Amino acid sequence: MKSIVVFCGSSQGKDPEIVASAYRLGAKLAQEGITLVYGAAKIGVMGKLAQGALDEQGKVIGVIPDFLKLKEVFHDGLTQLIITKNMHQRKLKMHELSDAILTLPGGYGTMEELFEMITWAQLGLHQKPIGLLNINGFYDELLAMLRTMVTKGFLKQDHYDMLLVDNTVDGLLDKMRSYQPLPLPKWIKIEQL
């Protein structure tokens, strides 16, 4: 993995361990020479993630749609800032720039980004590892809901298993490095995204 897109909240939330883990993740990526691709904000969990990477002289690429530049207070110390026309172009550009996908805690936007990426993987449009950092059980209820979807027949076990989950940065990165994707259906061409 040479680059990882990280989806996370532009808010700081109420759990200091989430913010600390975001900073540790950014620092770890930089120490390992992995480029961080993220939503370009200098505030909230996003800001701590970027700062962790920048403090270790890591390469950080921020991608933000023009209309969010002021609202999310973009980080002006990034290696590269890419401005897109809209949210869809933002996600597509982040996907193009990354070898893997990792999600930290966040709100609706973070969930939407995670589920779009995992849906693309489910459809065979990419084979990148997708990780979920479950800090202090933040995603326990979501994972329970996904297991209910499997039990009720709305989600295949193979597709559930595509989401790699751990509660530590090192553990999750290890799982992502060793991920073996499902074979692509014969009718799929990756460039269809």
N, C-alpha and C. Protein backbone atom coordinates (compact mmCIF):
# COMPACT_ATOMS: atom_id res chain seq x y z
N MET A 1 0.85 -1.18 0.00
CA MET A 1 0.00 0.00 0.00
C MET A 1 0.89 1.24 0.00
N LYS A 2 0.78 2.01 -1.06
CA LYS A 2 1.57 3.24 -1.15
C LYS A 2 0.76 4.46 -0.75
N SER A 3 -0.57 4.34 -0.82
CA SER A 3 -1.43 5.46 -0.42
C SER A 3 -2.74 4.91 0.13
N ILE A 4 -3.25 5.59 1.14
CA ILE A 4 -4.52 5.20 1.77
C ILE A 4 -5.41 6.42 1.88
N VAL A 5 -6.66 6.27 1.44
CA VAL A 5 -7.64 7.32 1.68
C VAL A 5 -8.28 7.02 3.03
N VAL A 6 -8.37 8.05 3.86
CA VAL A 6 -8.99 7.90 5.18
C VAL A 6 -10.21 8.81 5.22
N PHE A 7 -11.36 8.20 5.50
CA PHE A 7 -12.60 8.93 5.69
C PHE A 7 -12.84 9.08 7.19
N CYS A 8 -13.21 10.29 7.61
CA CYS A 8 -13.44 10.54 9.03
C CYS A 8 -14.16 11.86 9.21
N GLY A 9 -14.52 12.14 10.44
CA GLY A 9 -15.31 13.33 10.75
C GLY A 9 -14.53 14.64 10.71
N SER A 10 -15.23 15.69 10.31
CA SER A 10 -14.66 17.03 10.41
C SER A 10 -14.94 17.63 11.79
N SER A 11 -15.72 16.91 12.60
CA SER A 11 -15.93 17.28 13.99
C SER A 11 -14.96 16.50 14.86
N GLN A 12 -14.75 16.98 16.06
CA GLN A 12 -13.83 16.32 16.98
C GLN A 12 -14.51 15.24 17.80
N GLY A 13 -15.83 15.33 17.95
CA GLY A 13 -16.54 14.35 18.76
C GLY A 13 -16.26 14.55 20.24
N LYS A 14 -16.66 13.55 21.05
CA LYS A 14 -16.55 13.67 22.51
C LYS A 14 -15.61 12.65 23.13
N ASP A 15 -14.99 11.80 22.30
CA ASP A 15 -14.10 10.76 22.82
C ASP A 15 -12.66 11.13 22.45
N PRO A 16 -11.84 11.54 23.43
CA PRO A 16 -10.47 11.95 23.12
C PRO A 16 -9.63 10.83 22.51
N GLU A 17 -9.99 9.57 22.75
CA GLU A 17 -9.22 8.46 22.17
C GLU A 17 -9.38 8.41 20.65
N ILE A 18 -10.52 8.85 20.14
CA ILE A 18 -10.73 8.89 18.70
C ILE A 18 -9.76 9.89 18.07
N VAL A 19 -9.65 11.05 18.66
CA VAL A 19 -8.74 12.08 18.15
C VAL A 19 -7.29 11.60 18.26
N ALA A 20 -6.94 11.00 19.38
CA ALA A 20 -5.58 10.50 19.57
C ALA A 20 -5.25 9.40 18.56
N SER A 21 -6.21 8.51 18.30
CA SER A 21 -5.99 7.43 17.33
C SER A 21 -5.82 7.98 15.92
N ALA A 22 -6.58 9.03 15.60
CA ALA A 22 -6.45 9.66 14.28
C ALA A 22 -5.03 10.22 14.12
N TYR A 23 -4.54 10.89 15.14
CA TYR A 23 -3.19 11.44 15.08
C TYR A 23 -2.16 10.31 14.92
N ARG A 24 -2.33 9.24 15.71
CA ARG A 24 -1.40 8.09 15.63
C ARG A 24 -1.43 7.46 14.24
N LEU A 25 -2.62 7.35 13.66
CA LEU A 25 -2.73 6.77 12.32
C LEU A 25 -1.98 7.63 11.31
N GLY A 26 -2.19 8.94 11.35
CA GLY A 26 -1.47 9.82 10.43
C GLY A 26 0.03 9.69 10.58
N ALA A 27 0.51 9.68 11.82
CA ALA A 27 1.95 9.54 12.08
C ALA A 27 2.47 8.20 11.57
N LYS A 28 1.71 7.14 11.81
CA LYS A 28 2.13 5.79 11.38
C LYS A 28 2.23 5.71 9.86
N LEU A 29 1.26 6.27 9.16
CA LEU A 29 1.31 6.26 7.70
C LEU A 29 2.56 6.97 7.20
N ALA A 30 2.84 8.12 7.78
CA ALA A 30 4.03 8.88 7.37
C ALA A 30 5.30 8.09 7.66
N GLN A 31 5.39 7.49 8.83
CA GLN A 31 6.58 6.71 9.20
C GLN A 31 6.81 5.54 8.25
N GLU A 32 5.73 5.00 7.70
CA GLU A 32 5.83 3.87 6.78
C GLU A 32 5.91 4.30 5.32
N GLY A 33 5.96 5.60 5.08
CA GLY A 33 6.07 6.10 3.71
C GLY A 33 4.80 5.96 2.90
N ILE A 34 3.65 5.89 3.58
CA ILE A 34 2.36 5.75 2.92
C ILE A 34 1.72 7.14 2.82
N THR A 35 1.34 7.52 1.61
CA THR A 35 0.69 8.81 1.39
C THR A 35 -0.73 8.79 1.97
N LEU A 36 -1.06 9.83 2.71
CA LEU A 36 -2.40 10.00 3.24
C LEU A 36 -3.22 10.83 2.27
N VAL A 37 -4.38 10.31 1.88
CA VAL A 37 -5.37 11.04 1.08
C VAL A 37 -6.57 11.22 1.99
N TYR A 38 -7.07 12.44 2.11
CA TYR A 38 -8.20 12.67 3.02
C TYR A 38 -8.95 13.92 2.58
N GLY A 39 -9.95 14.33 3.36
CA GLY A 39 -10.87 15.39 2.97
C GLY A 39 -10.41 16.82 3.12
N ALA A 40 -9.15 17.06 3.44
CA ALA A 40 -8.50 18.39 3.38
C ALA A 40 -8.78 19.33 4.55
N ALA A 41 -9.60 18.95 5.52
CA ALA A 41 -9.91 19.87 6.62
C ALA A 41 -8.77 19.94 7.63
N LYS A 42 -8.66 21.10 8.30
CA LYS A 42 -7.67 21.23 9.37
C LYS A 42 -8.33 21.16 10.75
N ILE A 43 -9.63 20.86 10.76
CA ILE A 43 -10.38 20.79 12.01
C ILE A 43 -10.84 19.36 12.28
N GLY A 44 -11.25 19.09 13.52
CA GLY A 44 -11.83 17.82 13.88
C GLY A 44 -10.88 16.65 13.76
N VAL A 45 -11.47 15.46 13.60
CA VAL A 45 -10.69 14.24 13.47
C VAL A 45 -9.81 14.33 12.22
N MET A 46 -10.36 14.91 11.15
CA MET A 46 -9.58 15.08 9.91
C MET A 46 -8.31 15.87 10.15
N GLY A 47 -8.43 16.96 10.88
CA GLY A 47 -7.27 17.81 11.14
C GLY A 47 -6.20 17.09 11.93
N LYS A 48 -6.61 16.33 12.95
CA LYS A 48 -5.63 15.59 13.77
C LYS A 48 -4.94 14.51 12.95
N LEU A 49 -5.68 13.84 12.09
CA LEU A 49 -5.12 12.83 11.20
C LEU A 49 -4.03 13.43 10.33
N ALA A 50 -4.34 14.54 9.67
CA ALA A 50 -3.38 15.20 8.80
C ALA A 50 -2.18 15.70 9.58
N GLN A 51 -2.42 16.26 10.77
CA GLN A 51 -1.32 16.79 11.56
C GLN A 51 -0.36 15.69 11.98
N GLY A 52 -0.90 14.52 12.32
CA GLY A 52 -0.05 13.39 12.67
C GLY A 52 0.90 13.03 11.54
N ALA A 53 0.39 13.02 10.31
CA ALA A 53 1.22 12.70 9.16
C ALA A 53 2.22 13.83 8.87
N LEU A 54 1.76 15.06 8.93
CA LEU A 54 2.65 16.20 8.63
C LEU A 54 3.76 16.34 9.67
N ASP A 55 3.45 16.06 10.94
CA ASP A 55 4.47 16.15 11.99
C ASP A 55 5.59 15.14 11.78
N GLU A 56 5.31 14.08 11.02
CA GLU A 56 6.32 13.06 10.70
C GLU A 56 6.83 13.21 9.27
N GLN A 57 6.64 14.40 8.70
CA GLN A 57 7.09 14.72 7.35
C GLN A 57 6.49 13.81 6.28
N GLY A 58 5.25 13.39 6.49
CA GLY A 58 4.56 12.54 5.53
C GLY A 58 3.95 13.33 4.39
N LYS A 59 3.63 12.62 3.33
CA LYS A 59 2.95 13.23 2.18
C LYS A 59 1.46 13.17 2.44
N VAL A 60 0.79 14.33 2.35
CA VAL A 60 -0.63 14.43 2.64
C VAL A 60 -1.33 15.16 1.49
N ILE A 61 -2.29 14.47 0.89
CA ILE A 61 -3.08 15.04 -0.20
C ILE A 61 -4.50 15.27 0.29
N GLY A 62 -4.95 16.50 0.24
CA GLY A 62 -6.32 16.82 0.63
C GLY A 62 -7.17 17.03 -0.61
N VAL A 63 -8.40 16.51 -0.57
CA VAL A 63 -9.32 16.64 -1.69
C VAL A 63 -10.62 17.22 -1.15
N ILE A 64 -11.03 18.35 -1.70
CA ILE A 64 -12.22 19.03 -1.17
C ILE A 64 -13.00 19.67 -2.31
N PRO A 65 -14.33 19.59 -2.27
CA PRO A 65 -15.12 20.30 -3.28
C PRO A 65 -15.09 21.80 -2.99
N ASP A 66 -15.19 22.57 -4.04
CA ASP A 66 -15.08 24.02 -3.94
C ASP A 66 -16.02 24.61 -2.88
N PHE A 67 -17.26 24.12 -2.82
CA PHE A 67 -18.23 24.72 -1.90
C PHE A 67 -17.93 24.44 -0.42
N LEU A 68 -17.07 23.45 -0.13
CA LEU A 68 -16.72 23.14 1.26
C LEU A 68 -15.42 23.80 1.72
N LYS A 69 -14.73 24.48 0.82
CA LYS A 69 -13.43 25.05 1.18
C LYS A 69 -13.49 25.92 2.43
N LEU A 70 -14.49 26.73 2.54
CA LEU A 70 -14.58 27.60 3.72
C LEU A 70 -15.27 26.90 4.89
N LYS A 71 -16.33 26.15 4.60
CA LYS A 71 -17.09 25.49 5.67
C LYS A 71 -16.21 24.54 6.49
N GLU A 72 -15.39 23.73 5.82
CA GLU A 72 -14.57 22.75 6.53
C GLU A 72 -13.18 23.28 6.89
N VAL A 73 -12.91 24.53 6.60
CA VAL A 73 -11.64 25.17 6.95
C VAL A 73 -10.47 24.29 6.49
N PHE A 74 -10.21 24.36 5.19
CA PHE A 74 -9.18 23.48 4.62
C PHE A 74 -7.80 23.77 5.19
N HIS A 75 -7.00 22.74 5.24
CA HIS A 75 -5.64 22.78 5.79
C HIS A 75 -4.72 23.40 4.75
N ASP A 76 -4.00 24.45 5.12
CA ASP A 76 -3.13 25.12 4.14
C ASP A 76 -1.69 24.63 4.18
N GLY A 77 -1.40 23.59 4.97
CA GLY A 77 -0.04 23.08 5.05
C GLY A 77 0.16 21.73 4.38
N LEU A 78 -0.76 21.36 3.50
CA LEU A 78 -0.72 20.03 2.88
C LEU A 78 0.33 19.95 1.78
N THR A 79 0.73 18.73 1.47
CA THR A 79 1.63 18.50 0.35
C THR A 79 0.96 18.91 -0.95
N GLN A 80 -0.34 18.57 -1.06
CA GLN A 80 -1.11 18.90 -2.26
C GLN A 80 -2.57 19.08 -1.88
N LEU A 81 -3.21 20.09 -2.45
CA LEU A 81 -4.64 20.32 -2.26
C LEU A 81 -5.31 20.23 -3.62
N ILE A 82 -6.30 19.35 -3.73
CA ILE A 82 -7.05 19.19 -4.97
C ILE A 82 -8.47 19.66 -4.72
N ILE A 83 -8.96 20.55 -5.58
CA ILE A 83 -10.30 21.08 -5.45
C ILE A 83 -11.17 20.50 -6.57
N THR A 84 -12.31 19.93 -6.17
CA THR A 84 -13.22 19.33 -7.14
C THR A 84 -14.49 20.17 -7.24
N LYS A 85 -15.31 19.85 -8.25
CA LYS A 85 -16.56 20.59 -8.45
C LYS A 85 -17.66 20.17 -7.49
N ASN A 86 -17.66 18.88 -7.09
CA ASN A 86 -18.75 18.40 -6.25
C ASN A 86 -18.29 17.21 -5.41
N MET A 87 -19.21 16.69 -4.59
CA MET A 87 -18.88 15.60 -3.68
C MET A 87 -18.56 14.30 -4.42
N HIS A 88 -19.30 14.02 -5.48
CA HIS A 88 -19.04 12.78 -6.21
C HIS A 88 -17.63 12.80 -6.82
N GLN A 89 -17.25 13.92 -7.42
CA GLN A 89 -15.90 14.03 -7.98
C GLN A 89 -14.85 13.90 -6.87
N ARG A 90 -15.16 14.42 -5.71
CA ARG A 90 -14.24 14.31 -4.58
C ARG A 90 -13.98 12.84 -4.24
N LYS A 91 -15.06 12.06 -4.06
CA LYS A 91 -14.89 10.64 -3.72
C LYS A 91 -14.16 9.89 -4.82
N LEU A 92 -14.51 10.19 -6.06
CA LEU A 92 -13.86 9.50 -7.18
C LEU A 92 -12.37 9.82 -7.21
N LYS A 93 -12.01 11.06 -7.00
CA LYS A 93 -10.59 11.47 -7.00
C LYS A 93 -9.86 10.81 -5.83
N MET A 94 -10.47 10.78 -4.66
CA MET A 94 -9.85 10.14 -3.50
C MET A 94 -9.62 8.65 -3.78
N HIS A 95 -10.61 8.02 -4.39
CA HIS A 95 -10.49 6.61 -4.75
C HIS A 95 -9.34 6.40 -5.74
N GLU A 96 -9.27 7.25 -6.75
CA GLU A 96 -8.22 7.13 -7.78
C GLU A 96 -6.82 7.28 -7.19
N LEU A 97 -6.69 8.11 -6.17
CA LEU A 97 -5.38 8.40 -5.58
C LEU A 97 -4.92 7.36 -4.56
N SER A 98 -5.77 6.40 -4.24
CA SER A 98 -5.46 5.50 -3.12
C SER A 98 -5.38 4.03 -3.54
N ASP A 99 -4.60 3.28 -2.74
CA ASP A 99 -4.48 1.83 -2.90
C ASP A 99 -5.35 1.10 -1.89
N ALA A 100 -5.85 1.81 -0.89
CA ALA A 100 -6.64 1.20 0.18
C ALA A 100 -7.54 2.27 0.79
N ILE A 101 -8.56 1.81 1.52
CA ILE A 101 -9.56 2.69 2.11
C ILE A 101 -9.66 2.38 3.61
N LEU A 102 -9.65 3.43 4.42
CA LEU A 102 -9.73 3.24 5.87
C LEU A 102 -10.72 4.27 6.42
N THR A 103 -11.56 3.82 7.34
CA THR A 103 -12.56 4.72 7.92
C THR A 103 -12.39 4.80 9.43
N LEU A 104 -12.33 6.04 9.90
CA LEU A 104 -12.33 6.36 11.33
C LEU A 104 -13.75 6.80 11.71
N PRO A 105 -14.03 7.05 12.97
CA PRO A 105 -15.34 7.56 13.34
C PRO A 105 -15.68 8.89 12.65
N GLY A 106 -16.97 9.06 12.43
CA GLY A 106 -17.49 10.27 11.80
C GLY A 106 -19.00 10.22 11.79
N GLY A 107 -19.60 11.11 11.01
CA GLY A 107 -21.05 11.21 10.94
C GLY A 107 -21.60 10.70 9.62
N TYR A 108 -22.67 11.32 9.16
CA TYR A 108 -23.34 10.90 7.92
C TYR A 108 -22.38 10.87 6.72
N GLY A 109 -21.58 11.93 6.59
CA GLY A 109 -20.67 11.99 5.44
C GLY A 109 -19.69 10.84 5.43
N THR A 110 -19.15 10.53 6.59
CA THR A 110 -18.20 9.42 6.71
C THR A 110 -18.87 8.10 6.36
N MET A 111 -20.10 7.90 6.85
CA MET A 111 -20.83 6.67 6.55
C MET A 111 -21.11 6.56 5.05
N GLU A 112 -21.49 7.66 4.45
CA GLU A 112 -21.80 7.66 3.02
C GLU A 112 -20.55 7.29 2.21
N GLU A 113 -19.41 7.84 2.59
CA GLU A 113 -18.16 7.54 1.89
C GLU A 113 -17.79 6.06 2.05
N LEU A 114 -17.86 5.56 3.27
CA LEU A 114 -17.56 4.15 3.52
C LEU A 114 -18.47 3.24 2.70
N PHE A 115 -19.77 3.50 2.76
CA PHE A 115 -20.70 2.60 2.09
C PHE A 115 -20.62 2.69 0.57
N GLU A 116 -20.28 3.86 0.04
CA GLU A 116 -20.10 3.92 -1.41
C GLU A 116 -18.88 3.09 -1.82
N MET A 117 -17.79 3.21 -1.07
CA MET A 117 -16.57 2.45 -1.40
C MET A 117 -16.80 0.94 -1.27
N ILE A 118 -17.51 0.53 -0.23
CA ILE A 118 -17.72 -0.91 -0.05
C ILE A 118 -18.74 -1.43 -1.06
N THR A 119 -19.68 -0.59 -1.48
CA THR A 119 -20.61 -0.99 -2.54
C THR A 119 -19.87 -1.17 -3.85
N TRP A 120 -18.94 -0.27 -4.16
CA TRP A 120 -18.14 -0.43 -5.38
C TRP A 120 -17.36 -1.73 -5.33
N ALA A 121 -16.82 -2.06 -4.16
CA ALA A 121 -16.08 -3.32 -4.01
C ALA A 121 -17.01 -4.52 -4.17
N GLN A 122 -18.19 -4.45 -3.56
CA GLN A 122 -19.17 -5.52 -3.66
C GLN A 122 -19.55 -5.78 -5.12
N LEU A 123 -19.63 -4.71 -5.91
CA LEU A 123 -19.97 -4.83 -7.33
C LEU A 123 -18.77 -5.24 -8.18
N GLY A 124 -17.60 -5.34 -7.55
CA GLY A 124 -16.41 -5.75 -8.29
C GLY A 124 -15.73 -4.61 -9.03
N LEU A 125 -16.05 -3.36 -8.68
CA LEU A 125 -15.46 -2.22 -9.38
C LEU A 125 -14.07 -1.87 -8.87
N HIS A 126 -13.69 -2.40 -7.73
CA HIS A 126 -12.31 -2.29 -7.25
C HIS A 126 -12.05 -3.45 -6.29
N GLN A 127 -10.79 -3.68 -5.99
CA GLN A 127 -10.40 -4.77 -5.09
C GLN A 127 -9.50 -4.26 -3.96
N LYS A 128 -9.64 -3.01 -3.63
CA LYS A 128 -8.83 -2.41 -2.58
C LYS A 128 -9.30 -2.87 -1.20
N PRO A 129 -8.37 -3.06 -0.27
CA PRO A 129 -8.80 -3.37 1.10
C PRO A 129 -9.54 -2.19 1.72
N ILE A 130 -10.57 -2.51 2.50
CA ILE A 130 -11.38 -1.49 3.15
C ILE A 130 -11.36 -1.79 4.65
N GLY A 131 -10.80 -0.85 5.42
CA GLY A 131 -10.66 -1.04 6.85
C GLY A 131 -11.54 -0.10 7.65
N LEU A 132 -11.98 -0.59 8.81
CA LEU A 132 -12.80 0.19 9.74
C LEU A 132 -12.10 0.17 11.08
N LEU A 133 -11.67 1.34 11.57
CA LEU A 133 -11.01 1.42 12.86
C LEU A 133 -12.07 1.64 13.93
N ASN A 134 -12.35 0.59 14.69
CA ASN A 134 -13.45 0.58 15.67
C ASN A 134 -12.94 1.02 17.04
N ILE A 135 -12.65 2.30 17.16
CA ILE A 135 -12.07 2.87 18.38
C ILE A 135 -13.11 2.89 19.50
N ASN A 136 -12.77 2.28 20.63
CA ASN A 136 -13.65 2.24 21.80
C ASN A 136 -15.06 1.77 21.46
N GLY A 137 -15.17 0.84 20.52
CA GLY A 137 -16.47 0.27 20.17
C GLY A 137 -17.38 1.20 19.39
N PHE A 138 -16.83 2.27 18.80
CA PHE A 138 -17.64 3.25 18.08
C PHE A 138 -18.56 2.59 17.06
N TYR A 139 -18.07 1.58 16.37
CA TYR A 139 -18.83 0.96 15.29
C TYR A 139 -19.50 -0.35 15.70
N ASP A 140 -19.58 -0.66 16.97
CA ASP A 140 -20.18 -1.93 17.41
C ASP A 140 -21.61 -2.11 16.89
N GLU A 141 -22.43 -1.08 17.04
CA GLU A 141 -23.83 -1.19 16.60
C GLU A 141 -23.94 -1.31 15.09
N LEU A 142 -23.09 -0.60 14.37
CA LEU A 142 -23.10 -0.71 12.91
C LEU A 142 -22.74 -2.14 12.49
N LEU A 143 -21.73 -2.71 13.12
CA LEU A 143 -21.32 -4.08 12.79
C LEU A 143 -22.42 -5.07 13.14
N ALA A 144 -23.13 -4.83 14.23
CA ALA A 144 -24.27 -5.68 14.59
C ALA A 144 -25.35 -5.59 13.51
N MET A 145 -25.60 -4.40 13.00
CA MET A 145 -26.59 -4.21 11.94
C MET A 145 -26.16 -4.95 10.67
N LEU A 146 -24.89 -4.88 10.34
CA LEU A 146 -24.40 -5.59 9.16
C LEU A 146 -24.56 -7.10 9.32
N ARG A 147 -24.32 -7.60 10.54
CA ARG A 147 -24.52 -9.04 10.79
C ARG A 147 -26.01 -9.40 10.66
N THR A 148 -26.90 -8.50 11.08
CA THR A 148 -28.33 -8.72 10.90
C THR A 148 -28.66 -8.79 9.41
N MET A 149 -28.04 -7.93 8.60
CA MET A 149 -28.26 -7.96 7.15
C MET A 149 -27.85 -9.31 6.57
N VAL A 150 -26.76 -9.89 7.09
CA VAL A 150 -26.34 -11.23 6.65
C VAL A 150 -27.38 -12.26 7.07
N THR A 151 -27.76 -12.24 8.34
CA THR A 151 -28.72 -13.20 8.89
C THR A 151 -30.05 -13.15 8.14
N LYS A 152 -30.49 -11.95 7.77
CA LYS A 152 -31.78 -11.78 7.10
C LYS A 152 -31.69 -11.97 5.58
N GLY A 153 -30.48 -12.26 5.08
CA GLY A 153 -30.34 -12.57 3.67
C GLY A 153 -30.19 -11.37 2.74
N PHE A 154 -29.85 -10.20 3.27
CA PHE A 154 -29.68 -9.01 2.44
C PHE A 154 -28.21 -8.71 2.12
N LEU A 155 -27.30 -9.40 2.77
CA LEU A 155 -25.88 -9.20 2.56
C LEU A 155 -25.19 -10.56 2.61
N LYS A 156 -24.40 -10.86 1.59
CA LYS A 156 -23.67 -12.13 1.57
C LYS A 156 -22.53 -12.08 2.58
N GLN A 157 -22.24 -13.22 3.18
CA GLN A 157 -21.15 -13.31 4.15
C GLN A 157 -19.83 -12.86 3.53
N ASP A 158 -19.57 -13.23 2.27
CA ASP A 158 -18.34 -12.80 1.59
C ASP A 158 -18.23 -11.28 1.54
N HIS A 159 -19.35 -10.63 1.33
CA HIS A 159 -19.33 -9.16 1.25
C HIS A 159 -19.18 -8.54 2.63
N TYR A 160 -19.76 -9.16 3.64
CA TYR A 160 -19.55 -8.71 5.01
C TYR A 160 -18.07 -8.81 5.37
N ASP A 161 -17.45 -9.92 4.96
CA ASP A 161 -16.05 -10.17 5.28
C ASP A 161 -15.08 -9.23 4.57
N MET A 162 -15.55 -8.53 3.54
CA MET A 162 -14.69 -7.56 2.85
C MET A 162 -14.32 -6.39 3.74
N LEU A 163 -15.15 -6.09 4.73
CA LEU A 163 -14.89 -4.99 5.64
C LEU A 163 -13.97 -5.48 6.75
N LEU A 164 -12.75 -5.00 6.75
CA LEU A 164 -11.74 -5.41 7.73
C LEU A 164 -11.86 -4.51 8.96
N VAL A 165 -11.97 -5.12 10.13
CA VAL A 165 -12.23 -4.35 11.35
C VAL A 165 -11.18 -4.66 12.41
N ASP A 166 -10.72 -3.62 13.07
CA ASP A 166 -9.84 -3.80 14.23
C ASP A 166 -9.99 -2.56 15.10
N ASN A 167 -9.59 -2.69 16.38
CA ASN A 167 -9.68 -1.53 17.28
C ASN A 167 -8.33 -0.86 17.51
N THR A 168 -7.29 -1.31 16.78
CA THR A 168 -5.97 -0.66 16.88
C THR A 168 -5.46 -0.31 15.49
N VAL A 169 -4.69 0.74 15.41
CA VAL A 169 -4.10 1.17 14.14
C VAL A 169 -3.23 0.07 13.56
N ASP A 170 -2.32 -0.47 14.36
CA ASP A 170 -1.40 -1.50 13.85
C ASP A 170 -2.14 -2.75 13.41
N GLY A 171 -3.11 -3.18 14.21
CA GLY A 171 -3.88 -4.38 13.87
C GLY A 171 -4.63 -4.22 12.56
N LEU A 172 -5.24 -3.06 12.37
CA LEU A 172 -6.01 -2.83 11.15
C LEU A 172 -5.09 -2.75 9.93
N LEU A 173 -3.98 -2.05 10.05
CA LEU A 173 -3.05 -1.96 8.92
C LEU A 173 -2.50 -3.34 8.54
N ASP A 174 -2.24 -4.18 9.53
CA ASP A 174 -1.79 -5.56 9.25
C ASP A 174 -2.84 -6.32 8.47
N LYS A 175 -4.10 -6.22 8.88
CA LYS A 175 -5.19 -6.90 8.16
C LYS A 175 -5.31 -6.38 6.73
N MET A 176 -5.16 -5.07 6.56
CA MET A 176 -5.28 -4.49 5.23
C MET A 176 -4.14 -4.94 4.32
N ARG A 177 -2.94 -5.05 4.88
CA ARG A 177 -1.78 -5.51 4.08
C ARG A 177 -1.96 -6.95 3.60
N SER A 178 -2.59 -7.79 4.41
CA SER A 178 -2.72 -9.20 4.07
C SER A 178 -4.06 -9.55 3.39
N TYR A 179 -4.86 -8.54 3.06
CA TYR A 179 -6.17 -8.76 2.46
C TYR A 179 -6.07 -9.46 1.11
N GLN A 180 -6.89 -10.48 0.95
CA GLN A 180 -7.00 -11.21 -0.32
C GLN A 180 -8.39 -10.94 -0.89
N PRO A 181 -8.47 -10.14 -1.97
CA PRO A 181 -9.80 -9.79 -2.51
C PRO A 181 -10.51 -10.98 -3.15
N LEU A 182 -11.83 -10.86 -3.24
CA LEU A 182 -12.63 -11.85 -3.96
C LEU A 182 -12.28 -11.77 -5.45
N PRO A 183 -12.35 -12.88 -6.16
CA PRO A 183 -12.11 -12.81 -7.61
C PRO A 183 -13.16 -11.92 -8.28
N LEU A 184 -12.73 -11.19 -9.29
CA LEU A 184 -13.66 -10.33 -10.02
C LEU A 184 -14.58 -11.15 -10.90
N PRO A 185 -15.86 -10.78 -10.99
CA PRO A 185 -16.73 -11.43 -11.96
C PRO A 185 -16.19 -11.19 -13.37
N LYS A 186 -16.41 -12.14 -14.26
CA LYS A 186 -15.86 -12.04 -15.63
C LYS A 186 -16.38 -10.83 -16.40
N TRP A 187 -17.57 -10.37 -16.06
CA TRP A 187 -18.18 -9.27 -16.82
C TRP A 187 -17.72 -7.89 -16.36
N ILE A 188 -16.92 -7.83 -15.31
CA ILE A 188 -16.50 -6.54 -14.74
C ILE A 188 -15.20 -6.07 -15.37
N LYS A 189 -15.15 -4.77 -15.63
CA LYS A 189 -13.92 -4.10 -16.00
C LYS A 189 -13.70 -3.01 -14.96
N ILE A 190 -12.57 -3.04 -14.30
CA ILE A 190 -12.31 -2.11 -13.20
C ILE A 190 -12.53 -0.65 -13.61
N GLU A 191 -12.20 -0.30 -14.85
CA GLU A 191 -12.31 1.10 -15.28
C GLU A 191 -13.75 1.57 -15.41
N GLN A 192 -14.74 0.72 -15.13
CA GLN A 192 -16.14 1.12 -15.22
C GLN A 192 -16.54 2.14 -14.16
N LEU A 193 -15.73 2.31 -13.16
CA LEU A 193 -16.03 3.26 -12.10
C LEU A 193 -16.08 4.61 -12.71
